[in-house]
Amino acid sequence: MARQRTARQGTAPEGTGREGSAGAVRAGTRNPLVIVALALAVCAAGAAGWGGWLRYEATHDDAAAFARTRDDALAAGEQAVQNMNTLDHRSLEKGLDSWEQSTTGDLHRQLVDGRDAFAEQIAEAKTVSTAEVLSGAVTELDERAGRAGVMVALRVTVTAPKGEPAVKESRLLGSLTRTAGGWKLSALGQAPVGGTGG
């Protein structure tokens, strides 16, 4: 019996049965070319995944930066339009300074050139104008050129020495220019009736 078992064990490696096939497969996976090919495939998949992530992250960052710029322009535009519709004859110089600080370009020059005449009119009328922003929206934004447009809905209350306060709601279109001091109004006008916006 012992001799028969020894003979079977000795002949098994030379057979073409399952054990022989498994051994061949195991030997094949030790082939250096197969190992290198697998390693390269794993590296390529990892590089592709990393590249995709970097592209996604860059796109996400660009979108977030654009949203921040839009929000900054809107906040500055709303504040500037509110400033331009707020003026108290009791603190006239402060109010007119605020107008000039909120503007740039041709609009700024017009305010500077007409400041004295306008101050005289307001001092004589003794009016107090206050503005409340109801809503606002960015209508256009060109980050590269540093230009933006806003539409702002306002409620303006004008109080004179006599009579009841006059309240008026209106929508204004403003053009903004980015300066070293931030976004400033370069133009301001009444929005056309039936125009789109908030």
N, C-alpha and C. Protein backbone atom coordinates (compact mmCIF):
# COMPACT_ATOMS: atom_id res chain seq x y z
N MET A 1 0.83 -1.21 0.00
CA MET A 1 0.00 0.00 0.00
C MET A 1 0.86 1.24 0.00
N ALA A 2 1.93 1.21 0.74
CA ALA A 2 2.79 2.38 0.82
C ALA A 2 3.42 2.66 -0.52
N ARG A 3 3.79 1.58 -1.25
CA ARG A 3 4.41 1.80 -2.56
C ARG A 3 3.43 2.41 -3.54
N GLN A 4 2.17 2.02 -3.52
CA GLN A 4 1.18 2.58 -4.45
C GLN A 4 0.94 4.06 -4.21
N ARG A 5 0.86 4.46 -2.98
CA ARG A 5 0.68 5.89 -2.69
C ARG A 5 1.88 6.70 -3.16
N THR A 6 3.07 6.15 -3.01
CA THR A 6 4.28 6.85 -3.44
C THR A 6 4.30 6.99 -4.94
N ALA A 7 3.88 5.99 -5.63
CA ALA A 7 3.86 6.03 -7.10
C ALA A 7 2.88 7.07 -7.59
N ARG A 8 1.70 7.14 -6.96
CA ARG A 8 0.71 8.15 -7.37
C ARG A 8 1.23 9.56 -7.13
N GLN A 9 1.85 9.74 -5.98
CA GLN A 9 2.39 11.07 -5.68
C GLN A 9 3.49 11.45 -6.65
N GLY A 10 4.25 10.51 -7.08
CA GLY A 10 5.34 10.80 -8.00
C GLY A 10 4.85 11.11 -9.39
N THR A 11 3.74 10.54 -9.81
CA THR A 11 3.26 10.77 -11.18
C THR A 11 2.33 11.97 -11.29
N ALA A 12 1.81 12.52 -10.19
CA ALA A 12 0.83 13.62 -10.26
C ALA A 12 1.36 14.87 -10.96
N PRO A 13 2.58 15.35 -10.69
CA PRO A 13 3.04 16.58 -11.32
C PRO A 13 3.16 16.45 -12.83
N GLU A 14 3.36 15.25 -13.35
CA GLU A 14 3.54 15.11 -14.78
C GLU A 14 2.22 14.98 -15.53
N GLY A 15 1.12 14.87 -14.82
CA GLY A 15 -0.18 14.66 -15.45
C GLY A 15 -0.72 15.94 -16.07
N THR A 16 -1.78 15.80 -16.78
CA THR A 16 -2.43 16.95 -17.41
C THR A 16 -3.77 17.22 -16.76
N GLY A 17 -3.97 16.79 -15.52
CA GLY A 17 -5.24 16.98 -14.81
C GLY A 17 -5.36 18.38 -14.27
N ARG A 18 -6.33 18.56 -13.32
CA ARG A 18 -6.62 19.90 -12.75
C ARG A 18 -5.43 20.49 -12.02
N GLU A 19 -4.73 19.64 -11.29
CA GLU A 19 -3.59 20.17 -10.52
C GLU A 19 -2.54 20.71 -11.45
N GLY A 20 -2.31 20.04 -12.57
CA GLY A 20 -1.31 20.51 -13.52
C GLY A 20 -1.72 21.83 -14.14
N SER A 21 -3.01 22.00 -14.47
CA SER A 21 -3.50 23.25 -15.07
C SER A 21 -3.39 24.40 -14.09
N ALA A 22 -3.78 24.18 -12.83
CA ALA A 22 -3.67 25.22 -11.81
C ALA A 22 -2.24 25.67 -11.64
N GLY A 23 -1.34 24.72 -11.68
CA GLY A 23 0.07 25.07 -11.54
C GLY A 23 0.53 25.94 -12.69
N ALA A 24 0.02 25.65 -13.88
CA ALA A 24 0.40 26.44 -15.04
C ALA A 24 -0.13 27.86 -14.92
N VAL A 25 -1.38 28.00 -14.42
CA VAL A 25 -1.95 29.33 -14.25
C VAL A 25 -1.16 30.12 -13.23
N ARG A 26 -0.82 29.43 -12.11
CA ARG A 26 -0.04 30.13 -11.09
C ARG A 26 1.31 30.56 -11.63
N ALA A 27 1.89 29.73 -12.43
CA ALA A 27 3.20 30.07 -13.00
C ALA A 27 3.06 31.25 -13.97
N GLY A 28 1.91 31.30 -14.69
CA GLY A 28 1.70 32.38 -15.66
C GLY A 28 1.57 33.74 -14.99
N THR A 29 0.95 33.77 -13.81
CA THR A 29 0.76 35.06 -13.14
C THR A 29 2.07 35.59 -12.58
N ARG A 30 3.08 34.78 -12.53
CA ARG A 30 4.37 35.26 -12.06
C ARG A 30 5.20 35.85 -13.19
N ASN A 31 4.66 35.88 -14.38
CA ASN A 31 5.35 36.42 -15.54
C ASN A 31 5.58 37.91 -15.32
N PRO A 32 6.82 38.41 -15.39
CA PRO A 32 7.11 39.83 -15.14
C PRO A 32 6.35 40.77 -16.07
N LEU A 33 6.13 40.37 -17.32
CA LEU A 33 5.41 41.23 -18.25
C LEU A 33 3.96 41.44 -17.82
N VAL A 34 3.34 40.38 -17.30
CA VAL A 34 1.96 40.49 -16.83
C VAL A 34 1.89 41.43 -15.62
N ILE A 35 2.82 41.29 -14.73
CA ILE A 35 2.85 42.13 -13.51
C ILE A 35 3.03 43.60 -13.88
N VAL A 36 3.96 43.87 -14.81
CA VAL A 36 4.21 45.24 -15.25
C VAL A 36 2.97 45.82 -15.92
N ALA A 37 2.31 45.03 -16.76
CA ALA A 37 1.10 45.49 -17.45
C ALA A 37 0.00 45.84 -16.46
N LEU A 38 -0.18 44.99 -15.44
CA LEU A 38 -1.18 45.26 -14.42
C LEU A 38 -0.86 46.55 -13.65
N ALA A 39 0.41 46.71 -13.31
CA ALA A 39 0.83 47.91 -12.57
C ALA A 39 0.58 49.16 -13.40
N LEU A 40 0.90 49.09 -14.71
CA LEU A 40 0.68 50.24 -15.57
C LEU A 40 -0.81 50.56 -15.69
N ALA A 41 -1.64 49.53 -15.77
CA ALA A 41 -3.08 49.75 -15.88
C ALA A 41 -3.61 50.43 -14.62
N VAL A 42 -3.14 49.99 -13.45
CA VAL A 42 -3.58 50.61 -12.19
C VAL A 42 -3.13 52.06 -12.13
N CYS A 43 -1.89 52.33 -12.54
CA CYS A 43 -1.38 53.71 -12.53
C CYS A 43 -2.17 54.60 -13.48
N ALA A 44 -2.48 54.06 -14.67
CA ALA A 44 -3.24 54.84 -15.65
C ALA A 44 -4.63 55.17 -15.12
N ALA A 45 -5.28 54.20 -14.48
CA ALA A 45 -6.61 54.44 -13.92
C ALA A 45 -6.55 55.49 -12.81
N GLY A 46 -5.52 55.40 -11.97
CA GLY A 46 -5.36 56.39 -10.90
C GLY A 46 -5.11 57.78 -11.44
N ALA A 47 -4.27 57.88 -12.49
CA ALA A 47 -3.98 59.19 -13.09
C ALA A 47 -5.23 59.78 -13.72
N ALA A 48 -6.02 58.94 -14.39
CA ALA A 48 -7.26 59.43 -15.02
C ALA A 48 -8.23 59.94 -13.95
N GLY A 49 -8.35 59.20 -12.86
CA GLY A 49 -9.24 59.63 -11.78
C GLY A 49 -8.78 60.93 -11.15
N TRP A 50 -7.48 61.06 -10.93
CA TRP A 50 -6.92 62.28 -10.34
C TRP A 50 -7.12 63.48 -11.27
N GLY A 51 -6.88 63.25 -12.57
CA GLY A 51 -7.08 64.32 -13.54
C GLY A 51 -8.52 64.79 -13.57
N GLY A 52 -9.45 63.83 -13.52
CA GLY A 52 -10.86 64.18 -13.50
C GLY A 52 -11.22 64.99 -12.27
N TRP A 53 -10.69 64.60 -11.14
CA TRP A 53 -10.95 65.33 -9.90
C TRP A 53 -10.42 66.76 -9.98
N LEU A 54 -9.20 66.93 -10.53
CA LEU A 54 -8.62 68.26 -10.64
C LEU A 54 -9.46 69.15 -11.56
N ARG A 55 -9.96 68.57 -12.66
CA ARG A 55 -10.81 69.35 -13.56
C ARG A 55 -12.11 69.75 -12.87
N TYR A 56 -12.70 68.83 -12.12
CA TYR A 56 -13.93 69.14 -11.39
C TYR A 56 -13.69 70.25 -10.37
N GLU A 57 -12.56 70.12 -9.66
CA GLU A 57 -12.25 71.10 -8.61
C GLU A 57 -12.02 72.49 -9.21
N ALA A 58 -11.32 72.53 -10.36
CA ALA A 58 -11.05 73.82 -11.00
C ALA A 58 -12.35 74.47 -11.47
N THR A 59 -13.24 73.67 -12.06
CA THR A 59 -14.53 74.19 -12.51
C THR A 59 -15.35 74.70 -11.33
N HIS A 60 -15.35 73.93 -10.24
CA HIS A 60 -16.10 74.31 -9.04
C HIS A 60 -15.55 75.61 -8.47
N ASP A 61 -14.20 75.75 -8.44
CA ASP A 61 -13.58 76.97 -7.92
C ASP A 61 -13.95 78.18 -8.77
N ASP A 62 -13.95 78.00 -10.10
CA ASP A 62 -14.31 79.11 -11.00
C ASP A 62 -15.75 79.56 -10.75
N ALA A 63 -16.65 78.59 -10.60
CA ALA A 63 -18.06 78.92 -10.37
C ALA A 63 -18.23 79.64 -9.04
N ALA A 64 -17.50 79.19 -8.02
CA ALA A 64 -17.60 79.82 -6.70
C ALA A 64 -17.04 81.24 -6.74
N ALA A 65 -15.94 81.43 -7.47
CA ALA A 65 -15.34 82.76 -7.58
C ALA A 65 -16.27 83.71 -8.31
N PHE A 66 -16.92 83.22 -9.37
CA PHE A 66 -17.87 84.05 -10.12
C PHE A 66 -19.05 84.45 -9.22
N ALA A 67 -19.54 83.50 -8.42
CA ALA A 67 -20.67 83.78 -7.53
C ALA A 67 -20.28 84.84 -6.49
N ARG A 68 -19.06 84.75 -5.98
CA ARG A 68 -18.60 85.76 -4.99
C ARG A 68 -18.51 87.15 -5.64
N THR A 69 -17.98 87.20 -6.87
CA THR A 69 -17.87 88.48 -7.57
C THR A 69 -19.25 89.07 -7.82
N ARG A 70 -20.19 88.21 -8.24
CA ARG A 70 -21.56 88.67 -8.50
C ARG A 70 -22.19 89.22 -7.22
N ASP A 71 -22.00 88.51 -6.11
CA ASP A 71 -22.57 88.96 -4.84
C ASP A 71 -21.95 90.28 -4.38
N ASP A 72 -20.64 90.41 -4.59
CA ASP A 72 -19.96 91.66 -4.21
C ASP A 72 -20.50 92.83 -5.03
N ALA A 73 -20.66 92.60 -6.35
CA ALA A 73 -21.17 93.65 -7.22
C ALA A 73 -22.59 94.05 -6.83
N LEU A 74 -23.42 93.06 -6.53
CA LEU A 74 -24.80 93.36 -6.15
C LEU A 74 -24.87 94.16 -4.85
N ALA A 75 -24.09 93.72 -3.86
CA ALA A 75 -24.10 94.43 -2.57
C ALA A 75 -23.62 95.87 -2.74
N ALA A 76 -22.55 96.05 -3.52
CA ALA A 76 -22.03 97.41 -3.75
C ALA A 76 -23.02 98.24 -4.54
N GLY A 77 -23.66 97.63 -5.54
CA GLY A 77 -24.63 98.36 -6.35
C GLY A 77 -25.83 98.80 -5.55
N GLU A 78 -26.37 97.90 -4.74
CA GLU A 78 -27.53 98.25 -3.91
C GLU A 78 -27.18 99.39 -2.95
N GLN A 79 -26.00 99.30 -2.33
CA GLN A 79 -25.60 100.34 -1.37
C GLN A 79 -25.41 101.68 -2.06
N ALA A 80 -24.78 101.65 -3.24
CA ALA A 80 -24.53 102.89 -3.97
C ALA A 80 -25.84 103.55 -4.41
N VAL A 81 -26.78 102.75 -4.92
CA VAL A 81 -28.07 103.30 -5.35
C VAL A 81 -28.82 103.87 -4.14
N GLN A 82 -28.75 103.18 -3.03
CA GLN A 82 -29.39 103.68 -1.81
C GLN A 82 -28.74 105.00 -1.38
N ASN A 83 -27.41 105.06 -1.43
CA ASN A 83 -26.70 106.29 -1.07
C ASN A 83 -27.13 107.46 -1.95
N MET A 84 -27.29 107.17 -3.24
CA MET A 84 -27.61 108.23 -4.20
C MET A 84 -29.04 108.76 -4.03
N ASN A 85 -29.85 108.05 -3.28
CA ASN A 85 -31.24 108.47 -3.05
C ASN A 85 -31.49 108.85 -1.60
N THR A 86 -30.42 109.06 -0.86
CA THR A 86 -30.52 109.45 0.54
C THR A 86 -29.77 110.76 0.74
N LEU A 87 -30.48 111.77 1.26
CA LEU A 87 -29.84 113.06 1.48
C LEU A 87 -30.64 113.86 2.50
N ASP A 88 -29.94 114.37 3.49
CA ASP A 88 -30.57 115.13 4.57
C ASP A 88 -29.96 116.53 4.57
N HIS A 89 -30.82 117.55 4.46
CA HIS A 89 -30.31 118.93 4.40
C HIS A 89 -29.55 119.31 5.67
N ARG A 90 -29.79 118.57 6.77
CA ARG A 90 -29.11 118.89 8.04
C ARG A 90 -27.68 118.35 8.06
N SER A 91 -27.37 117.40 7.21
CA SER A 91 -26.00 116.88 7.11
C SER A 91 -25.65 116.76 5.62
N LEU A 92 -25.77 117.88 4.96
CA LEU A 92 -25.66 117.94 3.51
C LEU A 92 -24.27 117.52 3.01
N GLU A 93 -23.23 118.04 3.62
CA GLU A 93 -21.87 117.74 3.15
C GLU A 93 -21.56 116.24 3.27
N LYS A 94 -21.99 115.65 4.37
CA LYS A 94 -21.77 114.21 4.56
C LYS A 94 -22.51 113.41 3.48
N GLY A 95 -23.73 113.80 3.19
CA GLY A 95 -24.51 113.10 2.18
C GLY A 95 -23.91 113.21 0.79
N LEU A 96 -23.45 114.41 0.44
CA LEU A 96 -22.85 114.62 -0.88
C LEU A 96 -21.50 113.92 -0.98
N ASP A 97 -20.77 113.84 0.13
CA ASP A 97 -19.52 113.06 0.14
C ASP A 97 -19.81 111.59 -0.15
N SER A 98 -20.90 111.09 0.44
CA SER A 98 -21.30 109.70 0.22
C SER A 98 -21.63 109.46 -1.25
N TRP A 99 -22.29 110.41 -1.89
CA TRP A 99 -22.59 110.31 -3.32
C TRP A 99 -21.30 110.17 -4.12
N GLU A 100 -20.35 111.05 -3.82
CA GLU A 100 -19.09 111.04 -4.58
C GLU A 100 -18.29 109.77 -4.33
N GLN A 101 -18.33 109.27 -3.09
CA GLN A 101 -17.60 108.05 -2.77
C GLN A 101 -18.22 106.81 -3.41
N SER A 102 -19.48 106.90 -3.78
CA SER A 102 -20.19 105.76 -4.36
C SER A 102 -20.08 105.70 -5.88
N THR A 103 -19.46 106.71 -6.49
CA THR A 103 -19.48 106.83 -7.94
C THR A 103 -18.08 106.92 -8.53
N THR A 104 -18.04 106.75 -9.86
CA THR A 104 -16.78 106.88 -10.60
C THR A 104 -17.11 107.34 -12.01
N GLY A 105 -16.08 107.69 -12.77
CA GLY A 105 -16.28 108.04 -14.17
C GLY A 105 -17.06 109.32 -14.37
N ASP A 106 -17.86 109.34 -15.47
CA ASP A 106 -18.62 110.54 -15.82
C ASP A 106 -19.63 110.94 -14.74
N LEU A 107 -20.28 109.94 -14.14
CA LEU A 107 -21.26 110.24 -13.10
C LEU A 107 -20.60 110.97 -11.93
N HIS A 108 -19.43 110.51 -11.56
CA HIS A 108 -18.69 111.14 -10.46
C HIS A 108 -18.34 112.60 -10.82
N ARG A 109 -17.87 112.79 -12.05
CA ARG A 109 -17.50 114.16 -12.47
C ARG A 109 -18.71 115.09 -12.47
N GLN A 110 -19.85 114.58 -12.91
CA GLN A 110 -21.07 115.40 -12.91
C GLN A 110 -21.45 115.84 -11.50
N LEU A 111 -21.32 114.91 -10.56
CA LEU A 111 -21.66 115.23 -9.17
C LEU A 111 -20.71 116.25 -8.59
N VAL A 112 -19.43 116.08 -8.89
CA VAL A 112 -18.44 117.03 -8.37
C VAL A 112 -18.67 118.42 -8.97
N ASP A 113 -18.89 118.46 -10.28
CA ASP A 113 -19.08 119.76 -10.96
C ASP A 113 -20.35 120.47 -10.49
N GLY A 114 -21.41 119.72 -10.21
CA GLY A 114 -22.68 120.34 -9.83
C GLY A 114 -22.95 120.37 -8.34
N ARG A 115 -21.93 120.04 -7.56
CA ARG A 115 -22.14 119.91 -6.11
C ARG A 115 -22.64 121.20 -5.47
N ASP A 116 -22.02 122.29 -5.72
CA ASP A 116 -22.39 123.55 -5.05
C ASP A 116 -23.82 123.96 -5.36
N ALA A 117 -24.19 123.89 -6.63
CA ALA A 117 -25.54 124.29 -7.03
C ALA A 117 -26.58 123.37 -6.41
N PHE A 118 -26.28 122.08 -6.39
CA PHE A 118 -27.24 121.13 -5.83
C PHE A 118 -27.38 121.32 -4.32
N ALA A 119 -26.25 121.54 -3.66
CA ALA A 119 -26.28 121.76 -2.21
C ALA A 119 -27.13 122.98 -1.87
N GLU A 120 -27.04 124.00 -2.68
CA GLU A 120 -27.82 125.22 -2.45
C GLU A 120 -29.33 124.94 -2.58
N GLN A 121 -29.70 124.15 -3.58
CA GLN A 121 -31.11 123.80 -3.78
C GLN A 121 -31.67 123.02 -2.60
N ILE A 122 -30.91 122.02 -2.13
CA ILE A 122 -31.38 121.17 -1.03
C ILE A 122 -31.45 121.97 0.27
N ALA A 123 -30.47 122.82 0.51
CA ALA A 123 -30.47 123.64 1.73
C ALA A 123 -31.68 124.57 1.75
N GLU A 124 -32.05 125.07 0.59
CA GLU A 124 -33.20 125.97 0.51
C GLU A 124 -34.52 125.21 0.69
N ALA A 125 -34.60 124.01 0.10
CA ALA A 125 -35.84 123.21 0.19
C ALA A 125 -35.99 122.56 1.55
N LYS A 126 -34.87 122.36 2.25
CA LYS A 126 -34.88 121.72 3.58
C LYS A 126 -35.57 120.34 3.57
N THR A 127 -35.24 119.54 2.57
CA THR A 127 -35.83 118.19 2.45
C THR A 127 -34.92 117.13 3.04
N VAL A 128 -35.57 116.04 3.41
CA VAL A 128 -34.86 114.85 3.89
C VAL A 128 -35.34 113.67 3.04
N SER A 129 -34.41 113.05 2.33
CA SER A 129 -34.76 111.90 1.49
C SER A 129 -34.09 110.66 2.07
N THR A 130 -34.89 109.61 2.23
CA THR A 130 -34.35 108.33 2.70
C THR A 130 -34.79 107.24 1.74
N ALA A 131 -33.90 106.29 1.50
CA ALA A 131 -34.19 105.22 0.54
C ALA A 131 -34.07 103.86 1.22
N GLU A 132 -34.95 102.96 0.82
CA GLU A 132 -34.92 101.58 1.31
C GLU A 132 -34.88 100.65 0.10
N VAL A 133 -33.91 99.75 0.07
CA VAL A 133 -33.79 98.80 -1.03
C VAL A 133 -34.82 97.69 -0.82
N LEU A 134 -35.66 97.49 -1.84
CA LEU A 134 -36.67 96.43 -1.78
C LEU A 134 -36.16 95.13 -2.38
N SER A 135 -35.43 95.25 -3.46
CA SER A 135 -34.84 94.07 -4.09
C SER A 135 -33.77 94.53 -5.08
N GLY A 136 -32.94 93.59 -5.47
CA GLY A 136 -31.89 93.93 -6.42
C GLY A 136 -31.43 92.70 -7.17
N ALA A 137 -30.87 92.91 -8.35
CA ALA A 137 -30.37 91.79 -9.15
C ALA A 137 -29.24 92.28 -10.04
N VAL A 138 -28.30 91.40 -10.30
CA VAL A 138 -27.24 91.69 -11.26
C VAL A 138 -27.78 91.35 -12.65
N THR A 139 -27.75 92.32 -13.55
CA THR A 139 -28.28 92.10 -14.90
C THR A 139 -27.20 91.68 -15.88
N GLU A 140 -25.96 92.01 -15.57
CA GLU A 140 -24.83 91.58 -16.39
C GLU A 140 -23.56 91.65 -15.55
N LEU A 141 -22.57 90.83 -15.93
CA LEU A 141 -21.30 90.83 -15.21
C LEU A 141 -20.19 90.39 -16.14
N ASP A 142 -19.20 91.25 -16.31
CA ASP A 142 -18.02 90.95 -17.09
C ASP A 142 -16.82 91.08 -16.16
N GLU A 143 -16.41 89.95 -15.59
CA GLU A 143 -15.31 89.98 -14.61
C GLU A 143 -14.03 90.52 -15.22
N ARG A 144 -13.73 90.06 -16.42
CA ARG A 144 -12.46 90.45 -17.05
C ARG A 144 -12.39 91.95 -17.30
N ALA A 145 -13.50 92.53 -17.78
CA ALA A 145 -13.51 93.96 -18.06
C ALA A 145 -13.78 94.79 -16.81
N GLY A 146 -14.23 94.15 -15.74
CA GLY A 146 -14.53 94.89 -14.51
C GLY A 146 -15.77 95.75 -14.63
N ARG A 147 -16.79 95.19 -15.31
CA ARG A 147 -18.05 95.92 -15.48
C ARG A 147 -19.22 95.06 -15.04
N ALA A 148 -20.26 95.70 -14.52
CA ALA A 148 -21.46 94.98 -14.11
C ALA A 148 -22.66 95.90 -14.24
N GLY A 149 -23.83 95.29 -14.29
CA GLY A 149 -25.07 96.06 -14.31
C GLY A 149 -25.98 95.55 -13.21
N VAL A 150 -26.72 96.44 -12.60
CA VAL A 150 -27.67 96.05 -11.55
C VAL A 150 -29.02 96.73 -11.78
N MET A 151 -30.06 96.07 -11.33
CA MET A 151 -31.38 96.69 -11.26
C MET A 151 -31.79 96.66 -9.80
N VAL A 152 -32.17 97.81 -9.28
CA VAL A 152 -32.51 97.92 -7.86
C VAL A 152 -33.89 98.55 -7.72
N ALA A 153 -34.74 97.88 -6.96
CA ALA A 153 -36.07 98.42 -6.64
C ALA A 153 -35.96 99.15 -5.30
N LEU A 154 -36.46 100.39 -5.28
CA LEU A 154 -36.32 101.25 -4.10
C LEU A 154 -37.66 101.81 -3.65
N ARG A 155 -37.73 102.09 -2.37
CA ARG A 155 -38.82 102.91 -1.84
C ARG A 155 -38.16 104.17 -1.26
N VAL A 156 -38.47 105.31 -1.84
CA VAL A 156 -37.85 106.58 -1.42
C VAL A 156 -38.91 107.43 -0.74
N THR A 157 -38.57 107.93 0.44
CA THR A 157 -39.46 108.81 1.20
C THR A 157 -38.82 110.19 1.28
N VAL A 158 -39.55 111.20 0.81
CA VAL A 158 -39.05 112.58 0.84
C VAL A 158 -39.93 113.37 1.81
N THR A 159 -39.27 113.94 2.81
CA THR A 159 -39.99 114.72 3.82
C THR A 159 -39.59 116.19 3.70
N ALA A 160 -40.59 117.03 3.55
CA ALA A 160 -40.36 118.48 3.46
C ALA A 160 -40.83 119.12 4.77
N PRO A 161 -40.45 120.40 5.01
CA PRO A 161 -40.87 121.06 6.25
C PRO A 161 -42.38 121.08 6.45
N LYS A 162 -43.12 121.17 5.36
CA LYS A 162 -44.58 121.22 5.46
C LYS A 162 -45.18 120.08 4.64
N GLY A 163 -46.30 119.59 5.10
CA GLY A 163 -47.00 118.55 4.35
C GLY A 163 -46.58 117.15 4.77
N GLU A 164 -47.28 116.17 4.21
CA GLU A 164 -47.00 114.78 4.51
C GLU A 164 -45.80 114.28 3.70
N PRO A 165 -45.08 113.29 4.24
CA PRO A 165 -43.97 112.71 3.46
C PRO A 165 -44.48 112.09 2.16
N ALA A 166 -43.72 112.28 1.11
CA ALA A 166 -44.06 111.69 -0.19
C ALA A 166 -43.27 110.39 -0.35
N VAL A 167 -43.99 109.31 -0.64
CA VAL A 167 -43.35 107.99 -0.79
C VAL A 167 -43.49 107.54 -2.24
N LYS A 168 -42.39 107.10 -2.80
CA LYS A 168 -42.40 106.66 -4.19
C LYS A 168 -41.54 105.41 -4.33
N GLU A 169 -42.07 104.44 -5.07
CA GLU A 169 -41.29 103.24 -5.38
C GLU A 169 -40.86 103.29 -6.83
N SER A 170 -39.63 102.92 -7.07
CA SER A 170 -39.13 102.95 -8.45
C SER A 170 -38.06 101.88 -8.64
N ARG A 171 -37.77 101.62 -9.90
CA ARG A 171 -36.70 100.69 -10.24
C ARG A 171 -35.64 101.45 -11.02
N LEU A 172 -34.41 101.29 -10.60
CA LEU A 172 -33.30 101.99 -11.22
C LEU A 172 -32.30 101.00 -11.81
N LEU A 173 -31.72 101.40 -12.94
CA LEU A 173 -30.67 100.61 -13.58
C LEU A 173 -29.34 101.30 -13.33
N GLY A 174 -28.39 100.56 -12.81
CA GLY A 174 -27.08 101.13 -12.55
C GLY A 174 -25.99 100.36 -13.28
N SER A 175 -25.00 101.10 -13.77
CA SER A 175 -23.79 100.48 -14.34
C SER A 175 -22.68 100.61 -13.31
N LEU A 176 -21.97 99.52 -13.10
CA LEU A 176 -20.89 99.50 -12.11
C LEU A 176 -19.55 99.29 -12.80
N THR A 177 -18.54 99.93 -12.23
CA THR A 177 -17.16 99.74 -12.70
C THR A 177 -16.32 99.35 -11.49
N ARG A 178 -15.49 98.32 -11.68
CA ARG A 178 -14.62 97.91 -10.57
C ARG A 178 -13.42 98.83 -10.52
N THR A 179 -13.18 99.40 -9.35
CA THR A 179 -12.05 100.31 -9.14
C THR A 179 -11.16 99.75 -8.03
N ALA A 180 -10.08 100.45 -7.75
CA ALA A 180 -9.19 100.03 -6.66
C ALA A 180 -9.93 100.05 -5.33
N GLY A 181 -10.97 100.87 -5.25
CA GLY A 181 -11.77 100.95 -4.02
C GLY A 181 -13.01 100.08 -4.04
N GLY A 182 -13.11 99.19 -5.03
CA GLY A 182 -14.27 98.31 -5.12
C GLY A 182 -15.21 98.73 -6.24
N TRP A 183 -16.39 98.11 -6.29
CA TRP A 183 -17.38 98.42 -7.32
C TRP A 183 -18.02 99.77 -7.04
N LYS A 184 -18.12 100.61 -8.09
CA LYS A 184 -18.75 101.92 -7.93
C LYS A 184 -19.66 102.21 -9.12
N LEU A 185 -20.66 103.05 -8.87
CA LEU A 185 -21.61 103.41 -9.92
C LEU A 185 -20.95 104.33 -10.94
N SER A 186 -21.09 103.97 -12.21
CA SER A 186 -20.60 104.84 -13.28
C SER A 186 -21.76 105.43 -14.08
N ALA A 187 -22.97 104.90 -13.86
CA ALA A 187 -24.16 105.46 -14.51
C ALA A 187 -25.37 105.00 -13.70
N LEU A 188 -26.42 105.83 -13.72
CA LEU A 188 -27.64 105.49 -12.99
C LEU A 188 -28.83 106.14 -13.68
N GLY A 189 -29.87 105.34 -13.91
CA GLY A 189 -31.05 105.88 -14.56
C GLY A 189 -32.28 105.07 -14.23
N GLN A 190 -33.42 105.58 -14.62
CA GLN A 190 -34.70 104.92 -14.36
C GLN A 190 -34.83 103.70 -15.28
N ALA A 191 -35.30 102.59 -14.72
CA ALA A 191 -35.54 101.40 -15.54
C ALA A 191 -36.78 101.65 -16.39
N PRO A 192 -36.76 101.21 -17.65
CA PRO A 192 -37.94 101.40 -18.49
C PRO A 192 -39.13 100.62 -17.96
N VAL A 193 -40.31 101.14 -18.14
CA VAL A 193 -41.52 100.46 -17.70
C VAL A 193 -41.66 99.15 -18.48
N GLY A 194 -41.96 98.07 -17.72
CA GLY A 194 -42.10 96.75 -18.37
C GLY A 194 -40.78 96.03 -18.48
N GLY A 195 -39.65 96.61 -17.98
CA GLY A 195 -38.37 95.94 -18.03
C GLY A 195 -38.35 94.76 -17.09
N THR A 196 -37.42 93.86 -17.31
CA THR A 196 -37.31 92.67 -16.46
C THR A 196 -36.43 92.99 -15.27
N GLY A 197 -36.60 92.22 -14.24
CA GLY A 197 -35.76 92.38 -13.06
C GLY A 197 -36.58 92.29 -11.82
N GLY A 198 -35.83 92.35 -10.65
CA GLY A 198 -36.50 92.17 -9.37
C GLY A 198 -37.30 93.31 -8.97
